[in-house]
N, C-alpha and C. Protein backbone atom coordinates (compact mmCIF):
# COMPACT_ATOMS: atom_id res chain seq x y z
N MET A 1 -12.11 3.46 5.55
CA MET A 1 -11.07 2.44 5.46
C MET A 1 -11.10 1.80 4.06
N HIS A 2 -9.94 1.32 3.66
CA HIS A 2 -9.77 0.75 2.33
C HIS A 2 -9.10 -0.61 2.46
N ARG A 3 -9.36 -1.49 1.50
CA ARG A 3 -8.68 -2.78 1.46
C ARG A 3 -7.61 -2.74 0.37
N VAL A 4 -6.43 -3.25 0.72
CA VAL A 4 -5.30 -3.31 -0.21
C VAL A 4 -4.75 -4.73 -0.22
N PHE A 5 -4.49 -5.23 -1.42
CA PHE A 5 -3.90 -6.56 -1.61
C PHE A 5 -2.41 -6.37 -1.91
N VAL A 6 -1.55 -6.97 -1.09
CA VAL A 6 -0.11 -6.91 -1.33
C VAL A 6 0.38 -8.30 -1.70
N TYR A 7 1.27 -8.38 -2.68
CA TYR A 7 1.71 -9.66 -3.24
C TYR A 7 3.22 -9.80 -3.26
N GLY A 8 3.94 -8.75 -2.87
CA GLY A 8 5.39 -8.77 -3.01
C GLY A 8 6.13 -8.43 -1.74
N SER A 9 6.97 -7.41 -1.82
CA SER A 9 7.88 -7.08 -0.73
C SER A 9 7.19 -6.48 0.50
N LEU A 10 5.90 -6.16 0.40
CA LEU A 10 5.17 -5.60 1.56
C LEU A 10 4.47 -6.68 2.39
N LYS A 11 4.51 -7.95 1.94
CA LYS A 11 3.88 -9.03 2.70
C LYS A 11 4.65 -9.29 3.99
N ARG A 12 3.98 -9.96 4.92
CA ARG A 12 4.63 -10.37 6.17
C ARG A 12 5.87 -11.20 5.84
N GLY A 13 6.97 -10.94 6.55
CA GLY A 13 8.19 -11.70 6.35
C GLY A 13 9.03 -11.25 5.18
N GLN A 14 8.59 -10.22 4.46
CA GLN A 14 9.32 -9.72 3.30
C GLN A 14 10.03 -8.40 3.64
N PRO A 15 10.99 -7.98 2.81
CA PRO A 15 11.86 -6.85 3.18
C PRO A 15 11.16 -5.53 3.49
N ASN A 16 10.06 -5.23 2.82
CA ASN A 16 9.39 -3.93 3.04
C ASN A 16 8.20 -4.01 3.99
N TYR A 17 7.97 -5.17 4.59
CA TYR A 17 6.85 -5.31 5.53
C TYR A 17 6.89 -4.29 6.67
N PRO A 18 8.06 -3.91 7.20
CA PRO A 18 8.06 -2.92 8.29
C PRO A 18 7.33 -1.61 7.94
N TYR A 19 7.26 -1.26 6.66
CA TYR A 19 6.54 -0.04 6.27
C TYR A 19 5.04 -0.20 6.53
N MET A 20 4.54 -1.42 6.48
CA MET A 20 3.11 -1.68 6.71
C MET A 20 2.77 -1.55 8.20
N THR A 21 3.74 -1.77 9.05
CA THR A 21 3.48 -1.76 10.49
C THR A 21 3.91 -0.48 11.17
N ASP A 22 4.52 0.44 10.42
CA ASP A 22 4.98 1.71 10.98
C ASP A 22 3.79 2.66 11.10
N SER A 23 3.38 2.94 12.32
CA SER A 23 2.19 3.78 12.54
C SER A 23 2.38 5.21 12.05
N ASN A 24 3.63 5.63 11.83
CA ASN A 24 3.87 6.96 11.24
C ASN A 24 3.32 7.03 9.81
N ASN A 25 3.20 5.88 9.16
CA ASN A 25 2.70 5.82 7.78
C ASN A 25 1.17 5.72 7.72
N GLY A 26 0.55 5.42 8.86
CA GLY A 26 -0.89 5.22 8.92
C GLY A 26 -1.19 3.88 9.55
N LYS A 27 -2.43 3.44 9.40
CA LYS A 27 -2.88 2.20 10.03
C LYS A 27 -3.10 1.13 8.97
N ALA A 28 -2.59 -0.08 9.24
CA ALA A 28 -2.81 -1.22 8.36
C ALA A 28 -3.07 -2.44 9.23
N GLU A 29 -4.20 -3.09 9.00
CA GLU A 29 -4.55 -4.29 9.75
C GLU A 29 -4.64 -5.46 8.79
N PHE A 30 -3.89 -6.53 9.08
CA PHE A 30 -3.92 -7.74 8.27
C PHE A 30 -5.28 -8.41 8.43
N LEU A 31 -5.96 -8.66 7.31
CA LEU A 31 -7.28 -9.30 7.34
C LEU A 31 -7.25 -10.77 6.94
N ALA A 32 -6.53 -11.08 5.86
CA ALA A 32 -6.60 -12.44 5.32
C ALA A 32 -5.53 -12.68 4.27
N THR A 33 -5.26 -13.96 4.03
CA THR A 33 -4.51 -14.32 2.84
C THR A 33 -5.54 -14.53 1.73
N ALA A 34 -5.11 -14.31 0.50
CA ALA A 34 -6.03 -14.40 -0.63
C ALA A 34 -5.25 -14.72 -1.90
N VAL A 35 -6.00 -15.05 -2.94
CA VAL A 35 -5.43 -15.31 -4.25
C VAL A 35 -6.30 -14.59 -5.28
N THR A 36 -5.67 -14.06 -6.32
CA THR A 36 -6.44 -13.36 -7.35
C THR A 36 -7.39 -14.35 -8.03
N VAL A 37 -8.58 -13.87 -8.37
CA VAL A 37 -9.54 -14.70 -9.09
C VAL A 37 -9.02 -14.96 -10.50
N GLN A 38 -8.51 -13.91 -11.14
CA GLN A 38 -7.94 -14.04 -12.47
C GLN A 38 -6.44 -14.29 -12.37
N LYS A 39 -5.88 -14.81 -13.45
CA LYS A 39 -4.43 -14.97 -13.54
C LYS A 39 -3.81 -13.63 -13.93
N TYR A 40 -2.62 -13.37 -13.39
CA TYR A 40 -1.82 -12.20 -13.74
C TYR A 40 -0.35 -12.62 -13.75
N PRO A 41 0.48 -12.01 -14.62
CA PRO A 41 1.91 -12.29 -14.55
C PRO A 41 2.54 -11.53 -13.38
N LEU A 42 3.10 -12.26 -12.43
CA LEU A 42 3.90 -11.70 -11.35
C LEU A 42 5.34 -12.04 -11.70
N VAL A 43 6.13 -11.01 -12.00
CA VAL A 43 7.50 -11.21 -12.46
C VAL A 43 8.47 -10.51 -11.51
N ILE A 44 9.72 -10.91 -11.61
CA ILE A 44 10.80 -10.24 -10.87
C ILE A 44 11.67 -9.59 -11.92
N ALA A 45 11.84 -8.26 -11.80
CA ALA A 45 12.53 -7.53 -12.87
C ALA A 45 13.38 -6.40 -12.31
N THR A 46 14.11 -5.78 -13.16
CA THR A 46 15.08 -4.71 -12.96
C THR A 46 16.32 -5.25 -12.26
N LYS A 47 17.37 -4.46 -12.25
CA LYS A 47 18.62 -4.88 -11.61
C LYS A 47 18.45 -5.00 -10.10
N TYR A 48 17.32 -4.51 -9.57
CA TYR A 48 17.06 -4.59 -8.12
C TYR A 48 16.20 -5.80 -7.75
N ASN A 49 15.81 -6.59 -8.74
CA ASN A 49 15.01 -7.81 -8.51
C ASN A 49 13.72 -7.52 -7.74
N LEU A 50 12.93 -6.59 -8.29
CA LEU A 50 11.68 -6.18 -7.67
C LEU A 50 10.51 -7.00 -8.23
N PRO A 51 9.54 -7.33 -7.38
CA PRO A 51 8.35 -8.01 -7.88
C PRO A 51 7.39 -7.01 -8.53
N PHE A 52 6.90 -7.35 -9.70
CA PHE A 52 5.94 -6.51 -10.42
C PHE A 52 4.76 -7.37 -10.84
N LEU A 53 3.56 -6.86 -10.61
CA LEU A 53 2.35 -7.48 -11.12
C LEU A 53 1.98 -6.74 -12.40
N LEU A 54 2.00 -7.45 -13.52
CA LEU A 54 1.65 -6.83 -14.80
C LEU A 54 0.14 -6.88 -14.96
N ASN A 55 -0.44 -5.77 -15.36
CA ASN A 55 -1.90 -5.70 -15.51
C ASN A 55 -2.30 -6.32 -16.86
N LEU A 56 -2.09 -7.65 -16.92
CA LEU A 56 -2.42 -8.43 -18.11
C LEU A 56 -3.29 -9.60 -17.67
N PRO A 57 -4.57 -9.33 -17.35
CA PRO A 57 -5.46 -10.38 -16.85
C PRO A 57 -5.52 -11.56 -17.81
N GLY A 58 -5.55 -12.76 -17.24
CA GLY A 58 -5.65 -13.97 -18.04
C GLY A 58 -4.31 -14.60 -18.35
N GLN A 59 -3.21 -13.90 -18.09
CA GLN A 59 -1.88 -14.45 -18.32
C GLN A 59 -1.23 -14.74 -16.97
N GLY A 60 -0.26 -15.64 -16.96
CA GLY A 60 0.48 -15.91 -15.73
C GLY A 60 -0.23 -16.89 -14.82
N ASN A 61 -0.31 -16.52 -13.53
CA ASN A 61 -0.86 -17.41 -12.49
C ASN A 61 -1.85 -16.64 -11.62
N ARG A 62 -2.65 -17.39 -10.89
CA ARG A 62 -3.41 -16.77 -9.81
C ARG A 62 -2.39 -16.41 -8.74
N VAL A 63 -2.36 -15.16 -8.34
CA VAL A 63 -1.30 -14.64 -7.47
C VAL A 63 -1.75 -14.63 -6.02
N HIS A 64 -0.91 -15.18 -5.16
CA HIS A 64 -1.18 -15.24 -3.72
C HIS A 64 -0.62 -14.01 -3.03
N GLY A 65 -1.36 -13.53 -2.02
CA GLY A 65 -0.90 -12.38 -1.25
C GLY A 65 -1.72 -12.19 -0.01
N GLU A 66 -1.73 -10.97 0.49
CA GLU A 66 -2.39 -10.64 1.75
C GLU A 66 -3.27 -9.41 1.58
N ILE A 67 -4.41 -9.43 2.26
CA ILE A 67 -5.32 -8.29 2.25
C ILE A 67 -5.17 -7.54 3.57
N TYR A 68 -5.02 -6.23 3.46
CA TYR A 68 -4.94 -5.35 4.63
C TYR A 68 -6.07 -4.33 4.55
N GLU A 69 -6.58 -3.97 5.72
CA GLU A 69 -7.47 -2.83 5.80
C GLU A 69 -6.61 -1.65 6.23
N VAL A 70 -6.61 -0.60 5.43
CA VAL A 70 -5.75 0.56 5.70
C VAL A 70 -6.58 1.83 5.79
N ASP A 71 -6.07 2.78 6.56
CA ASP A 71 -6.74 4.08 6.64
C ASP A 71 -6.27 4.96 5.48
N GLN A 72 -6.86 6.14 5.36
CA GLN A 72 -6.54 7.04 4.26
C GLN A 72 -5.06 7.44 4.28
N LYS A 73 -4.51 7.65 5.47
CA LYS A 73 -3.10 8.04 5.59
C LYS A 73 -2.19 6.95 5.03
N MET A 74 -2.46 5.69 5.37
CA MET A 74 -1.64 4.58 4.85
C MET A 74 -1.83 4.42 3.35
N LEU A 75 -3.05 4.60 2.86
CA LEU A 75 -3.29 4.51 1.43
C LEU A 75 -2.47 5.57 0.68
N GLU A 76 -2.47 6.78 1.20
CA GLU A 76 -1.68 7.84 0.58
C GLU A 76 -0.19 7.54 0.68
N TYR A 77 0.24 6.96 1.81
CA TYR A 77 1.65 6.57 1.94
C TYR A 77 2.00 5.50 0.91
N LEU A 78 1.15 4.48 0.77
CA LEU A 78 1.41 3.41 -0.20
C LEU A 78 1.44 3.95 -1.62
N ASP A 79 0.56 4.89 -1.94
CA ASP A 79 0.60 5.53 -3.27
C ASP A 79 1.96 6.19 -3.49
N TRP A 80 2.46 6.88 -2.46
CA TRP A 80 3.77 7.52 -2.56
C TRP A 80 4.87 6.46 -2.68
N PHE A 81 4.82 5.45 -1.81
CA PHE A 81 5.83 4.39 -1.76
C PHE A 81 5.91 3.66 -3.10
N GLU A 82 4.76 3.41 -3.70
CA GLU A 82 4.70 2.68 -4.97
C GLU A 82 4.84 3.60 -6.19
N LYS A 83 5.08 4.88 -5.93
CA LYS A 83 5.31 5.87 -7.00
C LYS A 83 4.16 5.92 -8.00
N VAL A 84 2.92 5.99 -7.46
CA VAL A 84 1.73 6.15 -8.29
C VAL A 84 1.68 7.60 -8.78
N PRO A 85 1.48 7.88 -10.05
CA PRO A 85 1.16 6.97 -11.15
C PRO A 85 2.36 6.66 -12.05
N THR A 86 3.57 7.04 -11.64
CA THR A 86 4.73 6.88 -12.52
C THR A 86 5.12 5.42 -12.74
N ILE A 87 5.30 4.67 -11.65
CA ILE A 87 5.76 3.29 -11.75
C ILE A 87 4.59 2.32 -11.63
N TYR A 88 3.75 2.54 -10.63
CA TYR A 88 2.60 1.67 -10.38
C TYR A 88 1.30 2.45 -10.53
N GLN A 89 0.24 1.68 -10.71
CA GLN A 89 -1.12 2.24 -10.70
C GLN A 89 -1.91 1.47 -9.66
N ARG A 90 -2.85 2.14 -9.03
CA ARG A 90 -3.71 1.48 -8.05
C ARG A 90 -5.02 1.17 -8.73
N THR A 91 -5.34 -0.11 -8.84
CA THR A 91 -6.58 -0.56 -9.47
C THR A 91 -7.28 -1.53 -8.51
N VAL A 92 -8.46 -1.97 -8.90
CA VAL A 92 -9.23 -2.91 -8.08
C VAL A 92 -9.07 -4.31 -8.66
N VAL A 93 -8.91 -5.30 -7.78
CA VAL A 93 -8.77 -6.69 -8.20
C VAL A 93 -9.74 -7.55 -7.39
N GLU A 94 -10.27 -8.60 -8.05
CA GLU A 94 -11.12 -9.57 -7.36
C GLU A 94 -10.24 -10.64 -6.73
N LEU A 95 -10.56 -11.00 -5.48
CA LEU A 95 -9.75 -11.94 -4.72
C LEU A 95 -10.61 -13.02 -4.10
N GLU A 96 -10.05 -14.21 -4.01
CA GLU A 96 -10.67 -15.31 -3.27
C GLU A 96 -9.98 -15.42 -1.92
N ILE A 97 -10.75 -15.34 -0.86
CA ILE A 97 -10.21 -15.43 0.50
C ILE A 97 -9.72 -16.86 0.75
N LYS A 98 -8.51 -16.96 1.31
CA LYS A 98 -7.97 -18.27 1.66
C LYS A 98 -8.06 -18.51 3.16
N GLU A 99 -7.39 -17.66 3.95
CA GLU A 99 -7.37 -17.85 5.40
C GLU A 99 -7.52 -16.51 6.09
N LEU A 100 -8.42 -16.44 7.06
CA LEU A 100 -8.69 -15.20 7.79
C LEU A 100 -7.75 -15.02 8.97
N ALA A 101 -7.37 -13.78 9.25
CA ALA A 101 -6.58 -13.49 10.43
C ALA A 101 -7.42 -13.66 11.68
N HIS A 102 -8.68 -13.26 11.59
CA HIS A 102 -9.66 -13.41 12.68
C HIS A 102 -11.04 -13.44 12.05
N LYS A 103 -12.01 -13.94 12.77
CA LYS A 103 -13.36 -14.06 12.21
C LYS A 103 -13.92 -12.68 11.88
N GLU A 104 -14.44 -12.54 10.68
CA GLU A 104 -15.05 -11.29 10.27
C GLU A 104 -16.38 -11.61 9.59
N GLU A 105 -17.37 -10.79 9.87
CA GLU A 105 -18.71 -11.04 9.35
C GLU A 105 -18.77 -11.08 7.83
N LYS A 106 -18.04 -10.19 7.17
CA LYS A 106 -18.19 -10.03 5.72
C LYS A 106 -17.27 -10.94 4.90
N LEU A 107 -16.29 -11.58 5.54
CA LEU A 107 -15.35 -12.43 4.81
C LEU A 107 -15.38 -13.84 5.36
N SER A 108 -15.20 -14.82 4.46
CA SER A 108 -15.06 -16.20 4.88
C SER A 108 -14.21 -16.92 3.83
N PRO A 109 -13.49 -17.97 4.23
CA PRO A 109 -12.68 -18.69 3.24
C PRO A 109 -13.52 -19.12 2.05
N GLY A 110 -12.99 -18.89 0.86
CA GLY A 110 -13.69 -19.23 -0.37
C GLY A 110 -14.55 -18.11 -0.93
N SER A 111 -14.83 -17.09 -0.10
CA SER A 111 -15.65 -15.98 -0.60
C SER A 111 -14.81 -15.06 -1.48
N ILE A 112 -15.50 -14.28 -2.30
CA ILE A 112 -14.85 -13.36 -3.24
C ILE A 112 -15.04 -11.94 -2.72
N THR A 113 -13.95 -11.16 -2.77
CA THR A 113 -14.00 -9.77 -2.35
C THR A 113 -13.14 -8.95 -3.31
N GLU A 114 -13.16 -7.65 -3.15
CA GLU A 114 -12.33 -6.76 -3.96
C GLU A 114 -11.41 -5.96 -3.06
N ALA A 115 -10.27 -5.59 -3.61
CA ALA A 115 -9.31 -4.74 -2.90
C ALA A 115 -8.49 -3.99 -3.94
N PHE A 116 -7.86 -2.92 -3.48
CA PHE A 116 -6.91 -2.23 -4.35
C PHE A 116 -5.66 -3.09 -4.50
N VAL A 117 -5.02 -2.99 -5.65
CA VAL A 117 -3.74 -3.64 -5.88
C VAL A 117 -2.87 -2.67 -6.67
N TYR A 118 -1.57 -2.76 -6.46
CA TYR A 118 -0.62 -1.93 -7.21
C TYR A 118 0.00 -2.78 -8.32
N SER A 119 -0.31 -2.40 -9.57
CA SER A 119 0.27 -3.09 -10.72
C SER A 119 1.08 -2.07 -11.51
N THR A 120 1.97 -2.59 -12.35
CA THR A 120 2.85 -1.70 -13.10
C THR A 120 2.08 -0.82 -14.07
N THR A 121 2.51 0.42 -14.16
CA THR A 121 1.94 1.36 -15.12
C THR A 121 2.51 1.09 -16.50
N THR A 122 3.83 0.96 -16.55
CA THR A 122 4.52 0.63 -17.80
C THR A 122 5.60 -0.40 -17.47
N TYR A 123 6.03 -1.12 -18.48
CA TYR A 123 7.07 -2.13 -18.24
C TYR A 123 7.82 -2.36 -19.53
N GLN A 124 8.97 -2.98 -19.40
CA GLN A 124 9.81 -3.28 -20.55
C GLN A 124 9.15 -4.36 -21.41
N PRO A 125 9.38 -4.33 -22.72
CA PRO A 125 8.72 -5.28 -23.62
C PRO A 125 9.00 -6.75 -23.29
N GLU A 126 10.15 -7.05 -22.70
CA GLU A 126 10.49 -8.44 -22.40
C GLU A 126 9.85 -8.95 -21.10
N TRP A 127 9.31 -8.07 -20.27
CA TRP A 127 8.79 -8.50 -18.97
C TRP A 127 7.69 -9.56 -19.07
N PRO A 128 6.74 -9.47 -20.02
CA PRO A 128 5.73 -10.54 -20.10
C PRO A 128 6.32 -11.91 -20.43
N SER A 129 7.56 -11.95 -20.93
CA SER A 129 8.21 -13.22 -21.25
C SER A 129 9.03 -13.78 -20.09
N LEU A 130 9.17 -13.00 -19.02
CA LEU A 130 9.93 -13.46 -17.85
C LEU A 130 9.17 -14.58 -17.14
N PRO A 131 9.88 -15.40 -16.34
CA PRO A 131 9.18 -16.40 -15.53
C PRO A 131 8.15 -15.73 -14.62
N THR A 132 7.01 -16.38 -14.44
CA THR A 132 5.97 -15.83 -13.57
C THR A 132 5.86 -16.68 -12.31
N TYR A 133 5.37 -16.05 -11.25
CA TYR A 133 5.30 -16.68 -9.94
C TYR A 133 3.89 -16.60 -9.39
N GLU A 134 3.52 -17.60 -8.60
CA GLU A 134 2.24 -17.59 -7.90
C GLU A 134 2.35 -16.85 -6.58
N ASN A 135 3.52 -16.96 -5.97
CA ASN A 135 3.70 -16.46 -4.61
C ASN A 135 5.11 -15.93 -4.47
N TYR A 136 5.25 -14.61 -4.31
CA TYR A 136 6.58 -14.00 -4.22
C TYR A 136 7.19 -14.21 -2.84
N ASP A 137 8.46 -14.57 -2.85
CA ASP A 137 9.26 -14.64 -1.63
C ASP A 137 10.65 -14.13 -1.99
N SER A 138 11.11 -13.10 -1.30
CA SER A 138 12.41 -12.51 -1.63
C SER A 138 13.54 -13.51 -1.44
N ASN A 139 13.31 -14.54 -0.65
CA ASN A 139 14.32 -15.58 -0.42
C ASN A 139 13.97 -16.88 -1.15
N GLY A 140 13.14 -16.77 -2.18
CA GLY A 140 12.68 -17.95 -2.91
C GLY A 140 13.78 -18.63 -3.70
N ASP A 141 13.45 -19.79 -4.26
CA ASP A 141 14.44 -20.57 -5.00
C ASP A 141 14.78 -19.96 -6.36
N HIS A 142 14.19 -18.80 -6.68
CA HIS A 142 14.53 -18.11 -7.93
C HIS A 142 15.95 -17.54 -7.87
N GLY A 143 16.50 -17.34 -6.66
CA GLY A 143 17.87 -16.87 -6.51
C GLY A 143 18.09 -15.40 -6.83
N LEU A 144 17.01 -14.64 -6.97
CA LEU A 144 17.12 -13.22 -7.32
C LEU A 144 17.00 -12.39 -6.05
N LYS A 145 18.11 -11.84 -5.58
CA LYS A 145 18.14 -11.13 -4.31
C LYS A 145 17.50 -9.75 -4.44
N PHE A 146 16.48 -9.51 -3.65
CA PHE A 146 15.80 -8.22 -3.59
C PHE A 146 16.78 -7.17 -3.05
N VAL A 147 16.82 -6.01 -3.70
CA VAL A 147 17.70 -4.93 -3.26
C VAL A 147 16.84 -3.88 -2.57
N LEU A 148 17.11 -3.65 -1.29
CA LEU A 148 16.38 -2.64 -0.53
C LEU A 148 16.54 -1.27 -1.13
N ARG A 149 15.53 -0.44 -0.97
CA ARG A 149 15.53 0.91 -1.53
C ARG A 149 16.78 1.69 -1.13
N GLU A 150 17.15 1.59 0.15
CA GLU A 150 18.32 2.36 0.63
C GLU A 150 19.64 1.83 0.07
N ASP A 151 19.66 0.62 -0.51
CA ASP A 151 20.86 0.05 -1.08
C ASP A 151 20.95 0.22 -2.59
N ARG A 152 19.96 0.84 -3.20
CA ARG A 152 19.95 1.02 -4.65
C ARG A 152 20.79 2.23 -5.03
N LYS A 153 21.57 2.08 -6.07
CA LYS A 153 22.44 3.17 -6.50
C LYS A 153 22.08 3.60 -7.90
């Protein structure tokens, strides 16, 4: 099993969350909410208003998201979904646990753990200058409507 940190459209209540719960894609169990130990720029970019985590440690904000325990099948699905290595790369990030889904021996609020995260492989030169966010919400006050994959032309 692997741990994956999601910060954007795959979080609960977000447009792509159903992919996390579809057993055809593999198994994913929500473990906890968490925040990155380091700051990273989380931006909304492209004409589709997609959330991107730029792999620029020390810039931006501590990013809030969710940790899932996933099986190998789901990890491979997420790699495909996130277009690794063309669009995103899967790297390891340090996280501070905020709230647990259920009591677990190895995790507790305030403890530090590691998980995989999908950050951009490449990005446009202006992206680091875009507004950064601590917590992505597709319906946030930023007013940038997320465009579902099936609606992109």
